[in-house]
């Protein structure tokens, strides 16, 4: 049986969603975040040394990292090639590979930094340190993190001006992988990104996405 170690409100939602799209049965092992720190519990370290989610157990193998898990599941269970790139279209294959790795390699770091600085602003500390911490957090957000998020959102928005899905004309696992940075980016942006908003509407309407939410809970961490 395929087993998913799933942290609530996290990127591991994508693994549940992919399994639902594939129609592959799986056992869900849920973990709750710490109420104060929002960090994963120490119990996850018994599954993987870094104590992070998602982690997949399948046929005696333990696979970590969202992109690696997606590639593994497609190789093993997507026998019809329905969620990979079109076989004869090299441009689509390259776009597919790019967005599959861009999601975590480039898009997510500034999103995580935004979450960290938001936590710094609200963290308990001596009253005399609070203005300093907030100035540092606000300066970092205004001078670097915020502009980086805006640049990535513009890049993603432009990609969807050329085609309905990130890799091409059809929905693929690259869209599953990209879903979290799009969710996180739009949640932290005041800008207008109609194509990304429409992308979220389309994926939220997919029955497999809805089943994954029913089983694993909401997607985003507040903050």
C-alpha atoms as a PDB file:
ATOM      1  CA  UNK A   1       0.000   0.000   0.000  1.00  0.00           C
ATOM      2  CA  UNK A   2       1.235   3.490  -0.840  1.00  0.00           C
ATOM      3  CA  UNK A   3       1.547   5.590   2.312  1.00  0.00           C
ATOM      4  CA  UNK A   4       1.782   9.396   2.442  1.00  0.00           C
ATOM      5  CA  UNK A   5       3.146  11.145   5.522  1.00  0.00           C
ATOM      6  CA  UNK A   6       1.188  14.371   5.225  1.00  0.00           C
ATOM      7  CA  UNK A   7       1.668  17.579   7.203  1.00  0.00           C
ATOM      8  CA  UNK A   8      -1.472  19.676   7.457  1.00  0.00           C
ATOM      9  CA  UNK A   9      -1.606  22.876   5.371  1.00  0.00           C
ATOM     10  CA  UNK A  10       1.524  22.108   3.428  1.00  0.00           C
ATOM     11  CA  UNK A  11       3.012  21.333   0.057  1.00  0.00           C
ATOM     12  CA  UNK A  12       2.332  17.648   0.594  1.00  0.00           C
ATOM     13  CA  UNK A  13      -1.252  18.326  -0.523  1.00  0.00           C
ATOM     14  CA  UNK A  14       0.118  18.014  -4.060  1.00  0.00           C
ATOM     15  CA  UNK A  15       1.076  14.381  -3.499  1.00  0.00           C
ATOM     16  CA  UNK A  16      -2.418  13.535  -2.297  1.00  0.00           C
ATOM     17  CA  UNK A  17      -3.852  15.354  -5.290  1.00  0.00           C
ATOM     18  CA  UNK A  18      -1.618  13.480  -7.731  1.00  0.00           C
ATOM     19  CA  UNK A  19      -2.577  10.141  -6.216  1.00  0.00           C
ATOM     20  CA  UNK A  20      -6.233  11.094  -6.527  1.00  0.00           C
ATOM     21  CA  UNK A  21      -5.715  12.040 -10.176  1.00  0.00           C
ATOM     22  CA  UNK A  22      -4.029   8.684 -10.773  1.00  0.00           C
ATOM     23  CA  UNK A  23      -6.735   6.759  -8.922  1.00  0.00           C
ATOM     24  CA  UNK A  24      -4.002   5.133  -6.847  1.00  0.00           C
ATOM     25  CA  UNK A  25      -5.139   3.964  -3.368  1.00  0.00           C
ATOM     26  CA  UNK A  26      -3.056   5.299  -0.490  1.00  0.00           C
ATOM     27  CA  UNK A  27      -2.922   5.418   3.267  1.00  0.00           C
ATOM     28  CA  UNK A  28      -2.828   8.883   4.779  1.00  0.00           C
ATOM     29  CA  UNK A  29      -0.653   9.432   7.858  1.00  0.00           C
ATOM     30  CA  UNK A  30      -1.508  12.968   9.041  1.00  0.00           C
ATOM     31  CA  UNK A  31       0.630  15.240  11.208  1.00  0.00           C
ATOM     32  CA  UNK A  32      -0.443  18.467  12.923  1.00  0.00           C
ATOM     33  CA  UNK A  33       1.727  21.569  13.048  1.00  0.00           C
ATOM     34  CA  UNK A  34       2.874  23.023  16.338  1.00  0.00           C
ATOM     35  CA  UNK A  35       0.279  25.596  17.370  1.00  0.00           C
ATOM     36  CA  UNK A  36       2.896  28.280  18.143  1.00  0.00           C
ATOM     37  CA  UNK A  37       5.765  27.663  15.745  1.00  0.00           C
ATOM     38  CA  UNK A  38       3.768  26.092  12.870  1.00  0.00           C
ATOM     39  CA  UNK A  39       6.640  23.611  12.516  1.00  0.00           C
ATOM     40  CA  UNK A  40       6.238  19.911  11.783  1.00  0.00           C
ATOM     41  CA  UNK A  41       6.270  17.580  14.793  1.00  0.00           C
ATOM     42  CA  UNK A  42       9.381  15.660  15.781  1.00  0.00           C
ATOM     43  CA  UNK A  43       7.589  12.409  14.924  1.00  0.00           C
ATOM     44  CA  UNK A  44       8.288  13.038  11.252  1.00  0.00           C
ATOM     45  CA  UNK A  45      12.010  12.577  11.906  1.00  0.00           C
ATOM     46  CA  UNK A  46      11.311   8.917  12.553  1.00  0.00           C
ATOM     47  CA  UNK A  47      10.237   8.683   8.909  1.00  0.00           C
ATOM     48  CA  UNK A  48      12.883  10.928   7.327  1.00  0.00           C
ATOM     49  CA  UNK A  49      15.953  12.506   8.989  1.00  0.00           C
ATOM     50  CA  UNK A  50      14.950  16.071   8.057  1.00  0.00           C
ATOM     51  CA  UNK A  51      11.530  15.692   9.660  1.00  0.00           C
ATOM     52  CA  UNK A  52       9.770  17.325   6.735  1.00  0.00           C
ATOM     53  CA  UNK A  53       6.718  16.455   4.665  1.00  0.00           C
ATOM     54  CA  UNK A  54       5.782  15.043   2.232  1.00  0.00           C
ATOM     55  CA  UNK A  55       7.363  11.636   2.565  1.00  0.00           C
ATOM     56  CA  UNK A  56       6.126   8.706   0.529  1.00  0.00           C
ATOM     57  CA  UNK A  57       6.442   5.028   1.451  1.00  0.00           C
ATOM     58  CA  UNK A  58       5.817   2.650  -1.407  1.00  0.00           C
ATOM     59  CA  UNK A  59       6.858  -0.971  -1.861  1.00  0.00           C
ATOM     60  CA  UNK A  60       9.568  -0.711   0.771  1.00  0.00           C
ATOM     61  CA  UNK A  61      10.954   2.552  -0.613  1.00  0.00           C
ATOM     62  CA  UNK A  62      10.983   5.895   1.185  1.00  0.00           C
ATOM     63  CA  UNK A  63      10.891   8.884  -1.168  1.00  0.00           C
ATOM     64  CA  UNK A  64      11.136  12.526  -0.061  1.00  0.00           C
ATOM     65  CA  UNK A  65      10.984  15.897  -1.884  1.00  0.00           C
ATOM     66  CA  UNK A  66       7.819  16.828  -3.756  1.00  0.00           C
ATOM     67  CA  UNK A  67       9.374  16.816  -7.225  1.00  0.00           C
ATOM     68  CA  UNK A  68      11.069  13.468  -6.713  1.00  0.00           C
ATOM     69  CA  UNK A  69       7.841  11.976  -5.364  1.00  0.00           C
ATOM     70  CA  UNK A  70       5.885  13.236  -8.359  1.00  0.00           C
ATOM     71  CA  UNK A  71       8.399  11.784 -10.802  1.00  0.00           C
ATOM     72  CA  UNK A  72       8.423   8.463  -8.945  1.00  0.00           C
ATOM     73  CA  UNK A  73       4.635   8.181  -8.889  1.00  0.00           C
ATOM     74  CA  UNK A  74       4.327   9.018 -12.578  1.00  0.00           C
ATOM     75  CA  UNK A  75       6.991   6.482 -13.550  1.00  0.00           C
ATOM     76  CA  UNK A  76       5.330   3.782 -11.485  1.00  0.00           C
ATOM     77  CA  UNK A  77       1.597   4.439 -11.797  1.00  0.00           C
ATOM     78  CA  UNK A  78       0.916   6.748 -14.754  1.00  0.00           C
ATOM     79  CA  UNK A  79       1.136   3.905 -17.235  1.00  0.00           C
ATOM     80  CA  UNK A  80      -0.871   5.788 -19.855  1.00  0.00           C
ATOM     81  CA  UNK A  81       1.295   8.889 -19.636  1.00  0.00           C
ATOM     82  CA  UNK A  82      -1.752  11.062 -19.003  1.00  0.00           C
ATOM     83  CA  UNK A  83      -0.066  13.483 -16.591  1.00  0.00           C
ATOM     84  CA  UNK A  84       3.382  13.728 -18.153  1.00  0.00           C
ATOM     85  CA  UNK A  85       4.418  15.856 -21.142  1.00  0.00           C
ATOM     86  CA  UNK A  86       3.312  14.997 -24.660  1.00  0.00           C
ATOM     87  CA  UNK A  87       5.741  12.380 -25.921  1.00  0.00           C
ATOM     88  CA  UNK A  88       6.491  13.877 -29.326  1.00  0.00           C
ATOM     89  CA  UNK A  89       6.623  17.550 -28.364  1.00  0.00           C
ATOM     90  CA  UNK A  90      10.131  18.451 -27.221  1.00  0.00           C
ATOM     91  CA  UNK A  91       9.167  22.042 -26.368  1.00  0.00           C
ATOM     92  CA  UNK A  92       6.391  20.809 -24.111  1.00  0.00           C
ATOM     93  CA  UNK A  93       8.742  18.342 -22.437  1.00  0.00           C
ATOM     94  CA  UNK A  94      11.199  21.142 -21.713  1.00  0.00           C
ATOM     95  CA  UNK A  95       8.468  23.407 -20.355  1.00  0.00           C
ATOM     96  CA  UNK A  96       7.155  20.546 -18.242  1.00  0.00           C
ATOM     97  CA  UNK A  97      10.590  19.884 -16.773  1.00  0.00           C
ATOM     98  CA  UNK A  98      11.225  23.572 -16.182  1.00  0.00           C
ATOM     99  CA  UNK A  99       7.997  24.244 -14.248  1.00  0.00           C
ATOM    100  CA  UNK A 100       8.276  20.965 -12.329  1.00  0.00           C
ATOM    101  CA  UNK A 101      11.615  22.143 -10.887  1.00  0.00           C
ATOM    102  CA  UNK A 102      11.014  25.906 -10.893  1.00  0.00           C
ATOM    103  CA  UNK A 103       8.185  25.499  -8.372  1.00  0.00           C
ATOM    104  CA  UNK A 104      10.490  24.524  -5.506  1.00  0.00           C
ATOM    105  CA  UNK A 105      13.857  25.713  -6.820  1.00  0.00           C
ATOM    106  CA  UNK A 106      12.962  29.333  -7.609  1.00  0.00           C
ATOM    107  CA  UNK A 107       9.361  30.199  -6.729  1.00  0.00           C
ATOM    108  CA  UNK A 108       9.028  28.886  -3.184  1.00  0.00           C
ATOM    109  CA  UNK A 109      12.101  30.408  -1.423  1.00  0.00           C
ATOM    110  CA  UNK A 110      10.725  33.999  -1.396  1.00  0.00           C
ATOM    111  CA  UNK A 111       7.297  32.677  -0.345  1.00  0.00           C
ATOM    112  CA  UNK A 112       8.901  30.931   2.627  1.00  0.00           C
ATOM    113  CA  UNK A 113      10.873  34.067   3.475  1.00  0.00           C
ATOM    114  CA  UNK A 114       7.620  36.070   3.494  1.00  0.00           C
ATOM    115  CA  UNK A 115       6.135  33.600   5.966  1.00  0.00           C
ATOM    116  CA  UNK A 116       9.242  33.823   8.172  1.00  0.00           C
ATOM    117  CA  UNK A 117       9.218  37.621   8.270  1.00  0.00           C
ATOM    118  CA  UNK A 118       5.495  37.653   8.996  1.00  0.00           C
ATOM    119  CA  UNK A 119       6.159  35.379  11.961  1.00  0.00           C
ATOM    120  CA  UNK A 120       8.990  37.652  13.138  1.00  0.00           C
ATOM    121  CA  UNK A 121       6.630  40.631  13.199  1.00  0.00           C
ATOM    122  CA  UNK A 122       4.188  38.818  15.481  1.00  0.00           C
ATOM    123  CA  UNK A 123       6.648  36.793  17.561  1.00  0.00           C
ATOM    124  CA  UNK A 124       6.703  37.344  21.337  1.00  0.00           C
ATOM    125  CA  UNK A 125       9.714  39.437  22.389  1.00  0.00           C
ATOM    126  CA  UNK A 126      10.669  42.184  24.857  1.00  0.00           C
ATOM    127  CA  UNK A 127       8.766  45.389  24.105  1.00  0.00           C
ATOM    128  CA  UNK A 128      11.959  47.353  23.382  1.00  0.00           C
ATOM    129  CA  UNK A 129      13.010  44.840  20.713  1.00  0.00           C
ATOM    130  CA  UNK A 130       9.659  44.742  18.912  1.00  0.00           C
ATOM    131  CA  UNK A 131      10.079  47.998  16.902  1.00  0.00           C
ATOM    132  CA  UNK A 132      13.561  46.926  15.779  1.00  0.00           C
ATOM    133  CA  UNK A 133      12.418  43.467  14.711  1.00  0.00           C
ATOM    134  CA  UNK A 134       9.463  44.911  12.837  1.00  0.00           C
ATOM    135  CA  UNK A 135      11.652  47.475  11.047  1.00  0.00           C
ATOM    136  CA  UNK A 136      14.020  44.715   9.949  1.00  0.00           C
ATOM    137  CA  UNK A 137      11.162  42.483   8.781  1.00  0.00           C
ATOM    138  CA  UNK A 138       9.378  45.315   6.974  1.00  0.00           C
ATOM    139  CA  UNK A 139      12.613  46.478   5.345  1.00  0.00           C
ATOM    140  CA  UNK A 140      13.401  42.995   4.072  1.00  0.00           C
ATOM    141  CA  UNK A 141       9.885  42.560   2.719  1.00  0.00           C
ATOM    142  CA  UNK A 142       9.844  45.956   1.009  1.00  0.00           C
ATOM    143  CA  UNK A 143      13.393  45.895  -0.317  1.00  0.00           C
ATOM    144  CA  UNK A 144      13.802  42.275  -1.385  1.00  0.00           C
ATOM    145  CA  UNK A 145      11.161  39.649  -0.629  1.00  0.00           C
ATOM    146  CA  UNK A 146       8.127  41.575  -1.855  1.00  0.00           C
ATOM    147  CA  UNK A 147       9.730  42.567  -5.181  1.00  0.00           C
ATOM    148  CA  UNK A 148      10.921  38.988  -5.668  1.00  0.00           C
ATOM    149  CA  UNK A 149       7.416  37.609  -5.167  1.00  0.00           C
ATOM    150  CA  UNK A 150       6.027  40.214  -7.587  1.00  0.00           C
ATOM    151  CA  UNK A 151       8.630  39.242 -10.194  1.00  0.00           C
ATOM    152  CA  UNK A 152       7.828  35.547  -9.891  1.00  0.00           C
ATOM    153  CA  UNK A 153       4.084  36.169 -10.094  1.00  0.00           C
ATOM    154  CA  UNK A 154       4.603  38.251 -13.246  1.00  0.00           C
ATOM    155  CA  UNK A 155       6.678  35.415 -14.726  1.00  0.00           C
ATOM    156  CA  UNK A 156       3.989  32.840 -13.965  1.00  0.00           C
ATOM    157  CA  UNK A 157       1.226  35.137 -15.228  1.00  0.00           C
ATOM    158  CA  UNK A 158       3.073  35.657 -18.514  1.00  0.00           C
ATOM    159  CA  UNK A 159       3.508  31.915 -19.002  1.00  0.00           C
ATOM    160  CA  UNK A 160      -0.236  31.380 -18.820  1.00  0.00           C
ATOM    161  CA  UNK A 161      -0.807  34.090 -21.419  1.00  0.00           C
ATOM    162  CA  UNK A 162       0.738  31.764 -23.997  1.00  0.00           C
ATOM    163  CA  UNK A 163      -1.105  28.542 -23.128  1.00  0.00           C
ATOM    164  CA  UNK A 164      -3.816  27.388 -20.678  1.00  0.00           C
ATOM    165  CA  UNK A 165      -1.523  25.153 -18.610  1.00  0.00           C
ATOM    166  CA  UNK A 166       2.097  25.569 -17.604  1.00  0.00           C
ATOM    167  CA  UNK A 167       3.499  22.898 -19.892  1.00  0.00           C
ATOM    168  CA  UNK A 168       1.119  23.303 -22.801  1.00  0.00           C
ATOM    169  CA  UNK A 169      -2.435  22.744 -23.935  1.00  0.00           C
ATOM    170  CA  UNK A 170      -3.270  20.042 -21.417  1.00  0.00           C
ATOM    171  CA  UNK A 171      -3.169  19.600 -17.661  1.00  0.00           C
ATOM    172  CA  UNK A 172      -0.032  17.814 -16.393  1.00  0.00           C
ATOM    173  CA  UNK A 173       1.780  17.082 -13.155  1.00  0.00           C
ATOM    174  CA  UNK A 174       3.683  20.343 -13.682  1.00  0.00           C
ATOM    175  CA  UNK A 175       0.425  22.133 -12.873  1.00  0.00           C
ATOM    176  CA  UNK A 176       0.084  20.072  -9.712  1.00  0.00           C
ATOM    177  CA  UNK A 177       3.610  21.042  -8.677  1.00  0.00           C
ATOM    178  CA  UNK A 178       3.018  24.704  -9.541  1.00  0.00           C
ATOM    179  CA  UNK A 179      -0.246  24.894  -7.616  1.00  0.00           C
ATOM    180  CA  UNK A 180       1.353  25.633  -4.245  1.00  0.00           C
ATOM    181  CA  UNK A 181       3.568  28.573  -5.298  1.00  0.00           C
ATOM    182  CA  UNK A 182       0.605  30.055  -7.154  1.00  0.00           C
ATOM    183  CA  UNK A 183      -1.595  29.674  -4.060  1.00  0.00           C
ATOM    184  CA  UNK A 184       1.115  31.099  -1.787  1.00  0.00           C
ATOM    185  CA  UNK A 185       2.015  33.929  -4.144  1.00  0.00           C
ATOM    186  CA  UNK A 186      -1.532  35.165  -4.709  1.00  0.00           C
ATOM    187  CA  UNK A 187      -2.239  34.974  -0.968  1.00  0.00           C
ATOM    188  CA  UNK A 188       0.629  37.432  -0.407  1.00  0.00           C
ATOM    189  CA  UNK A 189      -0.010  39.769  -3.326  1.00  0.00           C
ATOM    190  CA  UNK A 190      -2.208  42.818  -3.797  1.00  0.00           C
ATOM    191  CA  UNK A 191      -1.575  42.810  -7.539  1.00  0.00           C
ATOM    192  CA  UNK A 192      -3.885  41.789 -10.347  1.00  0.00           C
ATOM    193  CA  UNK A 193      -3.093  38.358 -11.794  1.00  0.00           C
ATOM    194  CA  UNK A 194      -6.202  37.241 -13.668  1.00  0.00           C
ATOM    195  CA  UNK A 195      -4.625  34.270 -15.430  1.00  0.00           C
ATOM    196  CA  UNK A 196      -3.205  32.852 -12.213  1.00  0.00           C
ATOM    197  CA  UNK A 197      -6.547  33.405 -10.484  1.00  0.00           C
ATOM    198  CA  UNK A 198      -8.279  31.571 -13.335  1.00  0.00           C
ATOM    199  CA  UNK A 199      -5.696  28.778 -13.048  1.00  0.00           C
ATOM    200  CA  UNK A 200      -6.603  28.327  -9.380  1.00  0.00           C
ATOM    201  CA  UNK A 201     -10.286  28.277 -10.214  1.00  0.00           C
ATOM    202  CA  UNK A 202      -9.703  25.527 -12.762  1.00  0.00           C
ATOM    203  CA  UNK A 203      -7.657  23.336 -10.456  1.00  0.00           C
ATOM    204  CA  UNK A 204     -10.003  23.870  -7.503  1.00  0.00           C
ATOM    205  CA  UNK A 205     -12.833  22.611  -9.678  1.00  0.00           C
ATOM    206  CA  UNK A 206     -11.081  19.322 -10.380  1.00  0.00           C
ATOM    207  CA  UNK A 207     -12.718  16.448  -8.466  1.00  0.00           C
ATOM    208  CA  UNK A 208      -9.315  14.968  -7.574  1.00  0.00           C
ATOM    209  CA  UNK A 209      -8.187  18.274  -6.019  1.00  0.00           C
ATOM    210  CA  UNK A 210     -11.378  18.397  -3.977  1.00  0.00           C
ATOM    211  CA  UNK A 211     -10.945  14.804  -2.798  1.00  0.00           C
ATOM    212  CA  UNK A 212      -7.390  15.604  -1.700  1.00  0.00           C
ATOM    213  CA  UNK A 213      -8.667  18.562   0.363  1.00  0.00           C
ATOM    214  CA  UNK A 214     -11.396  16.363   1.862  1.00  0.00           C
ATOM    215  CA  UNK A 215      -8.775  13.870   2.999  1.00  0.00           C
ATOM    216  CA  UNK A 216      -5.833  16.129   3.848  1.00  0.00           C
ATOM    217  CA  UNK A 217      -7.440  19.426   4.823  1.00  0.00           C
ATOM    218  CA  UNK A 218      -6.868  23.005   3.578  1.00  0.00           C
ATOM    219  CA  UNK A 219      -3.779  23.813   1.573  1.00  0.00           C
ATOM    220  CA  UNK A 220      -2.177  26.994   2.888  1.00  0.00           C
ATOM    221  CA  UNK A 221      -0.624  27.939   6.214  1.00  0.00           C
ATOM    222  CA  UNK A 222      -2.019  31.211   7.500  1.00  0.00           C
ATOM    223  CA  UNK A 223       0.426  34.063   7.905  1.00  0.00           C
END
